[in-house]
N, C-alpha and C. Protein backbone atom coordinates (compact mmCIF):
# COMPACT_ATOMS: atom_id res chain seq x y z
N VAL A 1 135.74 307.56 138.60
CA VAL A 1 134.67 306.65 138.32
C VAL A 1 133.67 306.10 139.39
N TYR A 2 132.49 306.36 139.24
CA TYR A 2 131.56 305.51 140.38
C TYR A 2 130.50 304.29 139.40
N ARG A 3 130.72 303.29 140.17
CA ARG A 3 130.31 301.98 139.31
C ARG A 3 128.66 301.81 140.46
N LEU A 4 127.86 302.35 140.02
CA LEU A 4 126.04 302.25 140.83
C LEU A 4 125.50 301.31 140.73
N SER A 5 124.75 300.26 141.61
CA SER A 5 123.93 299.43 141.22
C SER A 5 123.05 299.06 142.13
N GLY A 6 122.10 298.25 142.07
CA GLY A 6 121.37 298.08 143.35
C GLY A 6 120.21 299.33 143.59
N SER A 7 119.61 299.43 144.71
CA SER A 7 117.96 300.47 144.73
C SER A 7 118.37 301.30 145.62
N LEU A 8 118.33 302.29 145.42
CA LEU A 8 118.18 303.50 146.77
C LEU A 8 117.06 304.02 146.17
N THR A 9 116.69 304.34 147.65
CA THR A 9 115.34 305.49 147.70
C THR A 9 116.28 306.26 148.66
N GLY A 10 116.38 308.24 147.48
CA GLY A 10 117.18 309.28 147.99
C GLY A 10 118.17 309.86 146.86
N GLN A 11 119.11 310.31 146.68
CA GLN A 11 119.53 310.85 145.74
C GLN A 11 121.11 310.78 145.70
N VAL A 12 121.82 310.69 143.81
CA VAL A 12 122.86 310.59 143.80
C VAL A 12 123.48 312.88 144.12
N VAL A 13 124.20 312.94 144.73
CA VAL A 13 124.85 314.16 144.40
C VAL A 13 126.30 313.85 143.68
N VAL A 14 126.51 315.14 142.50
CA VAL A 14 127.77 314.94 142.75
C VAL A 14 128.59 316.29 142.58
N ASP A 15 129.46 316.29 143.30
CA ASP A 15 129.74 318.15 143.80
C ASP A 15 130.98 318.41 143.76
N ALA A 16 131.55 318.14 142.62
CA ALA A 16 133.17 317.28 142.13
C ALA A 16 133.65 318.95 142.01
N GLY A 17 134.95 319.15 141.73
CA GLY A 17 136.31 320.05 141.29
C GLY A 17 135.41 320.67 140.26
N ALA A 18 135.68 322.09 139.28
CA ALA A 18 135.22 323.27 138.37
C ALA A 18 136.33 322.68 136.92
N ASP A 19 137.57 321.76 137.67
CA ASP A 19 138.17 320.90 135.95
C ASP A 19 137.79 319.73 136.16
N ASP A 20 136.78 318.99 137.43
CA ASP A 20 137.15 317.91 136.80
C ASP A 20 136.33 317.01 136.02
N LEU A 21 136.26 315.71 135.83
CA LEU A 21 135.31 314.46 134.68
C LEU A 21 135.24 313.48 135.73
N VAL A 22 134.03 313.34 135.76
CA VAL A 22 133.20 312.87 137.14
C VAL A 22 132.62 311.49 135.94
N VAL A 23 132.77 310.19 135.68
CA VAL A 23 132.51 309.41 135.33
C VAL A 23 131.17 308.51 136.54
N LEU A 24 129.58 308.18 135.66
CA LEU A 24 128.67 307.76 136.63
C LEU A 24 128.34 306.08 135.65
N VAL A 25 128.58 305.17 136.31
CA VAL A 25 128.55 303.80 135.77
C VAL A 25 127.39 303.21 136.16
N LEU A 26 126.28 303.57 135.62
CA LEU A 26 124.52 302.78 135.95
C LEU A 26 125.08 300.97 135.72
N ASP A 27 124.84 300.55 136.78
CA ASP A 27 124.71 298.77 136.62
C ASP A 27 124.16 298.21 136.94
N ASN A 28 122.62 298.08 136.40
CA ASN A 28 121.06 297.87 137.12
C ASN A 28 121.00 298.20 138.64
N ALA A 29 120.96 299.70 138.35
CA ALA A 29 120.97 300.95 139.30
C ALA A 29 119.50 301.18 139.09
N THR A 30 118.53 301.09 140.57
CA THR A 30 117.40 301.98 140.44
C THR A 30 117.38 303.20 141.41
N ILE A 31 116.87 304.47 141.15
CA ILE A 31 117.36 305.25 141.89
C ILE A 31 115.94 306.69 142.34
N ALA A 32 115.64 306.38 143.05
CA ALA A 32 114.03 306.93 142.98
C ALA A 32 113.97 307.79 144.61
N SER A 33 113.60 309.37 144.31
CA SER A 33 113.78 310.64 144.72
C SER A 33 112.35 310.72 145.43
N SER A 34 112.27 311.89 146.40
CA SER A 34 110.85 311.57 146.47
C SER A 34 110.93 312.85 147.21
N THR A 35 112.65 313.74 147.16
CA THR A 35 112.08 315.05 147.51
C THR A 35 112.95 316.07 146.53
N GLY A 36 113.51 315.41 144.96
CA GLY A 36 114.04 316.50 144.04
C GLY A 36 114.45 315.14 143.32
N PRO A 37 115.51 315.58 142.18
CA PRO A 37 116.32 314.45 141.47
C PRO A 37 116.71 313.38 141.66
N ALA A 38 116.46 312.41 141.23
CA ALA A 38 117.23 311.02 141.52
C ALA A 38 119.39 311.44 141.55
N ILE A 39 119.73 311.79 140.55
CA ILE A 39 120.45 312.36 140.64
C ILE A 39 121.16 314.11 139.89
N THR A 40 121.51 314.90 141.19
CA THR A 40 121.87 315.55 140.66
C THR A 40 122.89 316.33 140.32
N VAL A 41 123.70 316.94 139.22
CA VAL A 41 125.25 317.16 139.93
C VAL A 41 125.43 318.46 139.47
N LEU A 42 125.90 319.28 140.64
CA LEU A 42 126.00 320.55 141.43
C LEU A 42 127.02 320.97 140.74
N ASN A 43 128.18 320.49 140.57
CA ASN A 43 129.34 320.94 139.66
C ASN A 43 131.00 320.08 139.90
N ALA A 44 131.10 320.42 138.05
CA ALA A 44 132.40 319.34 137.68
C ALA A 44 132.33 320.15 136.59
N ASP A 45 133.34 319.89 135.82
CA ASP A 45 133.65 320.14 134.13
C ASP A 45 132.66 318.92 133.26
N ASP A 46 133.02 318.12 133.38
CA ASP A 46 132.10 316.94 132.69
C ASP A 46 131.87 316.05 133.38
N VAL A 47 130.45 315.66 133.06
CA VAL A 47 129.92 314.42 134.06
C VAL A 47 129.67 313.39 132.54
N ALA A 48 130.39 312.18 132.66
CA ALA A 48 129.50 310.84 131.53
C ALA A 48 128.79 310.14 132.11
N LEU A 49 127.85 309.29 132.10
CA LEU A 49 126.63 308.29 132.88
C LEU A 49 126.89 307.44 131.80
N ASN A 50 127.23 306.51 131.51
CA ASN A 50 127.39 305.02 131.19
C ASN A 50 126.57 304.22 131.46
N LEU A 51 126.10 303.42 130.73
CA LEU A 51 124.95 302.34 130.41
C LEU A 51 125.57 301.19 130.99
N ALA A 52 125.76 300.48 131.98
CA ALA A 52 127.16 299.24 131.87
C ALA A 52 125.94 298.25 130.64
N GLU A 53 126.75 297.58 130.22
CA GLU A 53 126.04 296.01 129.09
C GLU A 53 125.15 295.64 129.61
N GLY A 54 123.70 295.14 128.94
CA GLY A 54 123.29 294.20 130.02
C GLY A 54 121.99 295.28 130.79
N SER A 55 122.56 296.33 131.15
CA SER A 55 122.12 297.20 132.48
C SER A 55 120.64 296.96 131.88
N THR A 56 119.54 297.58 133.41
CA THR A 56 118.30 298.02 132.87
C THR A 56 118.60 298.85 134.56
N ASN A 57 118.47 300.34 133.94
CA ASN A 57 118.68 301.57 135.04
C ASN A 57 117.47 302.29 135.10
N SER A 58 116.96 302.76 136.24
CA SER A 58 115.76 303.56 136.17
C SER A 58 115.86 304.96 137.43
N LEU A 59 115.30 305.96 137.27
CA LEU A 59 115.79 307.16 137.90
C LEU A 59 114.26 307.72 138.12
N SER A 60 113.80 308.15 138.25
CA SER A 60 112.26 308.89 138.96
C SER A 60 112.78 310.04 140.31
N ASP A 61 112.29 310.86 140.01
CA ASP A 61 112.57 311.92 140.84
C ASP A 61 110.63 312.62 141.80
N THR A 62 110.89 313.49 142.30
CA THR A 62 109.62 313.93 143.17
C THR A 62 108.61 314.22 142.44
N ALA A 63 107.37 314.54 142.82
CA ALA A 63 106.43 314.25 141.49
C ALA A 63 105.90 316.17 142.12
N SER A 64 107.01 316.63 143.19
CA SER A 64 106.81 318.43 142.71
C SER A 64 108.09 319.31 143.12
N TYR A 65 107.86 320.20 142.85
CA TYR A 65 109.32 321.49 142.91
C TYR A 65 108.79 322.09 142.91
N ALA A 66 109.18 322.96 144.22
CA ALA A 66 109.08 324.47 144.37
C ALA A 66 109.56 325.52 143.04
N GLU A 67 108.61 326.79 142.81
CA GLU A 67 108.80 327.39 142.17
C GLU A 67 110.24 327.92 141.32
N ASP A 68 111.16 328.35 142.56
CA ASP A 68 112.27 328.34 142.37
C ASP A 68 113.58 327.78 142.35
N ALA A 69 112.99 326.49 142.03
CA ALA A 69 114.08 325.30 142.28
C ALA A 69 114.88 325.09 141.25
N ASP A 70 116.05 325.23 141.02
CA ASP A 70 116.99 325.39 139.87
C ASP A 70 117.19 323.80 139.55
N ALA A 71 117.24 323.40 140.24
CA ALA A 71 117.16 321.60 140.31
C ALA A 71 115.99 321.08 139.66
N ASN A 72 115.41 320.43 138.61
CA ASN A 72 114.17 320.63 138.33
C ASN A 72 113.67 319.20 137.50
N ALA A 73 114.83 318.42 137.53
CA ALA A 73 114.68 317.11 136.35
C ALA A 73 115.10 315.65 137.36
N ALA A 74 114.24 314.56 137.25
CA ALA A 74 115.14 313.43 137.23
C ALA A 74 116.74 313.30 137.54
N LEU A 75 116.68 313.56 136.03
CA LEU A 75 118.12 313.70 135.85
C LEU A 75 118.81 315.05 135.38
N TYR A 76 119.34 315.79 136.67
CA TYR A 76 119.75 317.49 136.37
C TYR A 76 121.68 317.23 136.60
N SER A 77 121.93 318.44 135.49
CA SER A 77 123.16 318.53 135.46
C SER A 77 123.30 320.04 135.39
N ASP A 78 124.75 320.74 136.33
CA ASP A 78 124.80 322.29 136.19
C ASP A 78 126.34 321.99 135.46
N ALA A 79 126.66 320.56 134.90
CA ALA A 79 127.96 320.45 133.93
C ALA A 79 127.31 319.90 132.58
N ASP A 80 128.76 319.83 131.81
CA ASP A 80 128.04 319.22 130.61
C ASP A 80 128.12 317.30 130.77
N LEU A 81 127.29 317.22 129.74
CA LEU A 81 126.17 315.83 130.64
C LEU A 81 126.72 314.98 128.95
N THR A 82 127.25 313.59 128.90
CA THR A 82 127.32 312.93 128.28
C THR A 82 126.33 311.12 128.50
N ILE A 83 125.83 310.98 127.70
CA ILE A 83 125.03 309.88 128.31
C ILE A 83 125.54 308.71 127.04
N SER A 84 126.10 307.03 127.28
CA SER A 84 126.61 306.50 126.00
C SER A 84 126.79 305.19 127.18
N GLY A 85 126.86 304.12 126.35
CA GLY A 85 127.08 302.77 127.23
C GLY A 85 125.84 301.80 126.24
N THR A 86 125.59 300.79 126.46
CA THR A 86 124.93 299.80 126.04
C THR A 86 123.61 299.27 126.48
N GLY A 87 123.51 299.38 127.36
CA GLY A 87 122.55 299.31 128.44
C GLY A 87 121.05 300.40 128.83
N ALA A 88 120.04 299.89 129.40
CA ALA A 88 119.15 300.78 129.16
C ALA A 88 118.77 301.64 130.46
N LEU A 89 117.91 302.83 130.29
CA LEU A 89 117.69 303.41 131.21
C LEU A 89 116.34 304.15 130.65
N ARG A 90 115.73 303.68 132.31
CA ARG A 90 114.21 304.47 131.91
C ARG A 90 114.48 305.81 132.50
N VAL A 91 113.68 306.75 132.38
CA VAL A 91 113.59 308.17 133.12
C VAL A 91 112.68 308.45 133.82
N ASP A 92 111.65 308.60 134.82
CA ASP A 92 110.37 309.27 134.68
C ASP A 92 110.39 310.57 135.39
N GLY A 93 110.30 311.69 134.85
CA GLY A 93 110.27 313.24 135.60
C GLY A 93 108.98 313.75 136.24
N ASN A 94 108.51 313.25 137.22
CA ASN A 94 107.37 313.02 137.46
C ASN A 94 106.68 314.87 137.80
N GLY A 95 108.13 315.44 138.30
CA GLY A 95 108.07 316.43 139.37
C GLY A 95 108.17 317.82 137.82
N ASN A 96 108.48 317.44 136.84
CA ASN A 96 109.22 318.77 135.60
C ASN A 96 109.94 318.38 134.74
N ASP A 97 110.95 318.53 134.82
CA ASP A 97 111.78 317.68 133.66
C ASP A 97 112.12 316.45 133.76
N GLY A 98 112.51 315.53 132.13
CA GLY A 98 113.12 314.31 132.90
C GLY A 98 115.01 314.08 132.69
N ILE A 99 115.36 314.73 131.42
CA ILE A 99 117.37 314.62 132.14
C ILE A 99 117.09 316.28 131.08
N THR A 100 118.52 317.16 132.55
CA THR A 100 118.27 318.10 131.94
C THR A 100 119.47 318.67 132.05
N SER A 101 120.68 319.20 131.32
CA SER A 101 121.71 319.85 131.35
C SER A 101 122.00 321.47 131.51
N THR A 102 122.41 322.39 131.66
CA THR A 102 121.75 323.79 131.86
C THR A 102 123.36 324.18 130.75
N ASP A 103 124.74 323.02 130.71
CA ASP A 103 125.37 323.01 129.69
C ASP A 103 124.60 322.11 128.25
N ASP A 104 125.80 321.48 127.69
CA ASP A 104 125.43 320.73 126.64
C ASP A 104 125.23 319.36 127.42
N LEU A 105 124.11 318.99 126.50
CA LEU A 105 123.39 317.41 126.49
C LEU A 105 123.72 316.56 125.36
N VAL A 106 124.96 315.53 125.60
CA VAL A 106 124.55 314.42 124.01
C VAL A 106 124.47 313.11 124.76
N VAL A 107 123.69 312.63 123.65
CA VAL A 107 123.44 311.35 123.99
C VAL A 107 124.40 310.60 122.85
N LEU A 108 125.04 309.98 122.95
CA LEU A 108 125.90 308.44 122.09
C LEU A 108 125.37 307.32 121.81
N SER A 109 124.69 306.18 123.16
CA SER A 109 123.79 305.64 122.71
C SER A 109 123.70 305.18 124.04
N GLY A 110 122.94 303.75 123.67
CA GLY A 110 122.08 303.19 124.46
C GLY A 110 120.65 303.30 124.31
N THR A 111 119.78 302.89 125.25
CA THR A 111 118.37 302.50 124.94
C THR A 111 118.24 303.65 125.99
N ILE A 112 117.50 304.28 125.84
CA ILE A 112 116.82 305.56 126.66
C ILE A 112 115.19 305.87 126.60
N GLU A 113 114.28 306.17 127.58
CA GLU A 113 113.34 305.91 127.51
C GLU A 113 112.51 307.06 128.39
N VAL A 114 112.31 308.73 128.20
CA VAL A 114 111.78 308.89 128.95
C VAL A 114 110.56 309.94 129.01
N THR A 115 109.97 309.76 129.98
CA THR A 115 108.71 310.19 130.09
C THR A 115 108.77 311.71 131.46
N ALA A 116 108.00 312.56 130.52
CA ALA A 116 108.27 313.69 131.73
C ALA A 116 106.93 314.50 131.70
N VAL A 117 106.29 315.10 133.19
CA VAL A 117 105.16 316.16 133.08
C VAL A 117 105.59 317.30 132.29
N ASP A 118 106.64 317.67 132.28
CA ASP A 118 107.04 318.71 131.10
C ASP A 118 108.47 317.98 129.85
N ASP A 119 109.54 318.86 129.81
CA ASP A 119 110.03 318.45 128.89
C ASP A 119 110.85 317.50 128.72
N GLY A 120 110.90 316.74 128.09
CA GLY A 120 112.07 314.96 127.80
C GLY A 120 113.42 315.64 128.30
N LEU A 121 113.77 315.88 127.34
CA LEU A 121 115.09 315.94 127.15
C LEU A 121 115.69 317.20 127.13
N ARG A 122 116.24 318.31 128.13
CA ARG A 122 116.81 319.53 127.66
C ARG A 122 118.39 319.87 127.93
N GLY A 123 118.58 320.21 126.96
CA GLY A 123 120.37 320.79 126.69
C GLY A 123 120.16 322.13 126.88
N LYS A 124 120.32 322.94 127.59
CA LYS A 124 120.07 324.53 127.55
C LYS A 124 121.28 325.07 126.59
N ASP A 125 122.40 324.90 126.81
CA ASP A 125 123.57 325.33 125.61
C ASP A 125 123.21 324.51 124.31
N SER A 126 123.35 323.00 124.02
CA SER A 126 122.55 322.71 123.51
C SER A 126 122.64 320.58 123.79
N LEU A 127 121.66 320.48 122.63
CA LEU A 127 121.04 318.95 122.88
C LEU A 127 121.77 318.22 121.79
N SER A 128 122.42 316.87 121.60
CA SER A 128 122.95 316.51 120.74
C SER A 128 122.30 314.97 120.55
N ILE A 129 122.18 314.14 119.90
CA ILE A 129 122.22 312.62 119.97
C ILE A 129 122.47 312.51 118.71
N GLU A 130 123.60 311.14 118.84
CA GLU A 130 124.11 310.64 117.96
C GLU A 130 124.03 309.37 117.47
N GLY A 131 123.28 308.81 118.50
CA GLY A 131 123.13 306.96 118.68
C GLY A 131 122.47 306.46 119.69
N GLY A 132 122.08 305.73 119.37
CA GLY A 132 120.95 304.79 120.32
C GLY A 132 119.41 304.89 120.24
N ALA A 133 118.93 304.51 120.72
CA ALA A 133 117.29 304.66 120.79
C ALA A 133 116.92 305.20 122.03
N VAL A 134 115.89 306.85 121.26
CA VAL A 134 115.12 307.68 122.42
C VAL A 134 114.54 307.72 122.19
N THR A 135 113.36 307.34 123.34
CA THR A 135 112.04 307.74 123.04
C THR A 135 111.58 308.21 124.24
N VAL A 136 110.99 309.31 123.72
CA VAL A 136 110.21 310.82 125.03
C VAL A 136 109.12 310.51 124.74
N GLN A 137 108.28 310.62 126.12
CA GLN A 137 106.84 311.24 125.98
C GLN A 137 106.95 312.22 126.88
N ALA A 138 106.93 313.53 126.13
CA ALA A 138 106.22 314.59 126.83
C ALA A 138 105.29 315.52 126.99
N GLY A 139 104.89 316.16 128.30
CA GLY A 139 103.77 316.79 128.39
C GLY A 139 104.06 318.51 127.64
N GLY A 140 105.47 318.37 127.59
CA GLY A 140 105.99 320.08 126.81
C GLY A 140 106.43 319.79 125.98
N ASP A 141 107.92 320.29 125.84
CA ASP A 141 108.59 319.36 124.54
C ASP A 141 109.38 318.55 124.77
N GLY A 142 109.13 317.79 123.13
CA GLY A 142 110.33 316.55 123.73
C GLY A 142 111.67 316.67 123.66
N LEU A 143 112.47 317.26 123.05
CA LEU A 143 113.87 318.06 122.77
C LEU A 143 113.90 318.98 123.02
N LYS A 144 114.72 319.93 123.43
CA LYS A 144 114.70 321.23 123.88
C LYS A 144 115.93 321.84 124.27
N ALA A 145 116.57 322.99 123.59
CA ALA A 145 117.27 323.53 123.91
C ALA A 145 117.37 326.00 123.88
N ASP A 146 117.26 326.08 124.89
CA ASP A 146 116.44 327.42 125.09
C ASP A 146 117.49 328.16 125.41
N GLN A 147 119.74 328.11 125.29
CA GLN A 147 120.05 329.03 125.18
C GLN A 147 120.13 329.98 124.40
N ASP A 148 119.28 331.39 125.40
CA ASP A 148 119.28 332.46 123.81
C ASP A 148 120.25 333.83 123.95
N SER A 149 121.35 333.80 124.71
CA SER A 149 122.33 334.81 125.14
C SER A 149 123.58 334.63 123.86
N GLU A 150 123.49 333.13 123.08
CA GLU A 150 124.79 333.49 123.02
C GLU A 150 124.33 333.10 121.08
N ASP A 151 124.91 333.49 120.32
CA ASP A 151 124.03 333.00 118.54
C ASP A 151 124.26 331.74 118.16
N THR A 152 125.82 331.24 119.12
CA THR A 152 126.26 329.73 118.75
C THR A 152 126.07 328.61 120.06
N ARG A 153 124.85 329.21 120.27
CA ARG A 153 124.00 328.09 121.41
C ARG A 153 122.66 328.10 121.20
N GLY A 154 122.00 326.85 122.02
CA GLY A 154 120.92 326.74 122.04
C GLY A 154 120.13 326.45 120.77
N TYR A 155 120.66 324.70 120.07
CA TYR A 155 120.57 324.36 118.93
C TYR A 155 120.12 322.70 119.32
N VAL A 156 119.65 322.32 118.54
CA VAL A 156 119.41 320.65 118.97
C VAL A 156 120.22 320.01 117.69
N HIS A 157 121.55 319.05 117.56
CA HIS A 157 121.65 318.67 116.71
C HIS A 157 120.60 316.81 116.30
N LEU A 158 120.40 316.17 116.00
CA LEU A 158 120.69 314.87 115.43
C LEU A 158 121.16 314.40 114.45
N ALA A 159 122.26 313.40 115.31
CA ALA A 159 123.06 312.83 113.73
C ALA A 159 122.74 311.71 113.86
N GLY A 160 122.31 311.09 114.70
CA GLY A 160 122.39 309.32 114.77
C GLY A 160 121.15 309.05 115.46
N GLY A 161 121.18 307.63 115.50
CA GLY A 161 120.17 306.81 116.17
C GLY A 161 118.96 306.90 116.05
N ASN A 162 118.12 306.27 116.81
CA ASN A 162 116.59 306.32 116.71
C ASN A 162 115.63 307.01 117.28
N VAL A 163 115.02 308.57 117.10
CA VAL A 163 114.55 309.39 118.09
C VAL A 163 112.85 309.27 117.81
N THR A 164 111.97 308.87 118.77
CA THR A 164 110.41 308.85 119.04
C THR A 164 110.36 309.34 119.93
N ILE A 165 109.19 310.65 119.77
CA ILE A 165 108.60 311.85 120.04
C ILE A 165 107.41 311.86 120.19
N GLU A 166 106.90 311.98 121.70
CA GLU A 166 105.23 311.92 121.72
C GLU A 166 105.79 313.41 122.60
N ALA A 167 104.71 314.08 122.11
CA ALA A 167 104.84 315.80 123.05
C ALA A 167 103.48 316.41 123.02
N GLY A 168 103.34 317.07 124.30
CA GLY A 168 101.81 317.96 124.46
C GLY A 168 102.27 319.12 124.02
N ASP A 169 103.53 319.61 123.74
CA ASP A 169 103.66 321.05 122.99
C ASP A 169 104.59 320.91 121.93
N ASP A 170 105.54 321.80 121.44
CA ASP A 170 106.86 321.03 120.46
C ASP A 170 107.65 319.61 120.46
N GLY A 171 107.69 319.31 119.79
CA GLY A 171 108.29 317.74 119.36
C GLY A 171 109.88 318.08 119.55
N ILE A 172 110.40 319.32 118.83
CA ILE A 172 111.53 319.60 118.81
C ILE A 172 112.12 321.22 118.83
N ASP A 173 112.16 322.16 120.02
CA ASP A 173 112.36 323.40 120.10
C ASP A 173 113.62 324.24 120.25
N ALA A 174 114.16 324.18 119.54
CA ALA A 174 115.41 325.49 119.66
C ALA A 174 115.33 326.54 119.83
N GLU A 175 116.36 327.27 119.91
CA GLU A 175 116.43 328.36 120.11
C GLU A 175 116.73 329.33 119.47
N THR A 176 117.64 328.43 118.47
CA THR A 176 118.44 328.76 117.12
C THR A 176 117.94 328.14 116.45
N ASP A 177 118.76 326.59 116.23
CA ASP A 177 118.86 325.99 114.93
C ASP A 177 118.84 324.49 115.03
N VAL A 178 117.64 323.55 114.18
CA VAL A 178 117.48 322.17 114.32
C VAL A 178 118.46 321.80 113.29
N VAL A 179 119.09 320.85 113.41
CA VAL A 179 119.94 320.25 112.48
C VAL A 179 120.33 318.67 112.47
N VAL A 180 119.47 318.14 111.31
CA VAL A 180 119.46 316.72 111.26
C VAL A 180 120.26 316.04 110.16
N SER A 181 120.86 315.28 110.54
CA SER A 181 122.25 314.90 109.71
C SER A 181 122.37 313.61 109.93
N GLY A 182 121.55 312.95 110.35
CA GLY A 182 121.45 311.23 110.12
C GLY A 182 120.57 311.36 111.27
N GLY A 183 120.41 309.44 111.15
CA GLY A 183 119.62 308.60 112.14
C GLY A 183 118.21 309.12 111.59
N THR A 184 117.15 308.34 112.29
CA THR A 184 115.72 308.49 111.78
C THR A 184 114.70 309.07 113.00
N THR A 185 113.89 309.85 113.46
CA THR A 185 113.55 310.81 113.75
C THR A 185 111.57 310.62 113.22
N SER A 186 111.19 310.40 114.91
CA SER A 186 109.73 310.38 114.65
C SER A 186 108.61 311.46 115.61
N VAL A 187 108.24 312.31 115.57
CA VAL A 187 107.75 313.16 116.28
C VAL A 187 105.80 313.16 115.88
N THR A 188 105.19 313.06 117.12
CA THR A 188 103.74 313.78 117.25
C THR A 188 103.77 314.36 118.45
N THR A 189 103.05 315.68 118.03
CA THR A 189 102.43 316.38 118.68
C THR A 189 101.31 316.60 118.83
N ASP A 190 100.58 317.23 120.22
CA ASP A 190 99.53 317.87 120.37
C ASP A 190 99.32 319.27 119.98
N ALA A 191 100.62 319.90 120.02
CA ALA A 191 100.33 321.53 119.39
C ALA A 191 99.99 321.67 118.14
């Protein structure tokens, strides 16, 4: 468990064991990178990002990525990523996406505001929002899941919370299914 607070111009990199659970507690943390993602998860089993009670946090990344860059979001994870807590998080995806997980991305709670030049929130295997207040302004898709190699993956599930999306492309883009079982969702697109 790592508690991050204060300001950092640079990157936080998580490179743990393949079976490790890593918890990052953001407690009034501001992380800005001019060379890549603000937070990059290279290796872990699961990563939990907790927004400390009463905290206001922000992440911002570089203004551009190389065409072949794997990590290309302000908050990027190659492991399952779960966001929770009662604090606030602002994410500025200046170079590409706002929040990306190449596995499952889950939002349980928190006040999350994402602005991205491309996709807002992307969980390659799946994207689930179960609570909290999520606001997305994206030049590309607002919410996205694009795993196309398994029939049981590539879905978006909105189970709770309050989700507001403004997108230049699709508001919600899923390779397989979009399931809405709770919460409130507002979508505005230019598509």
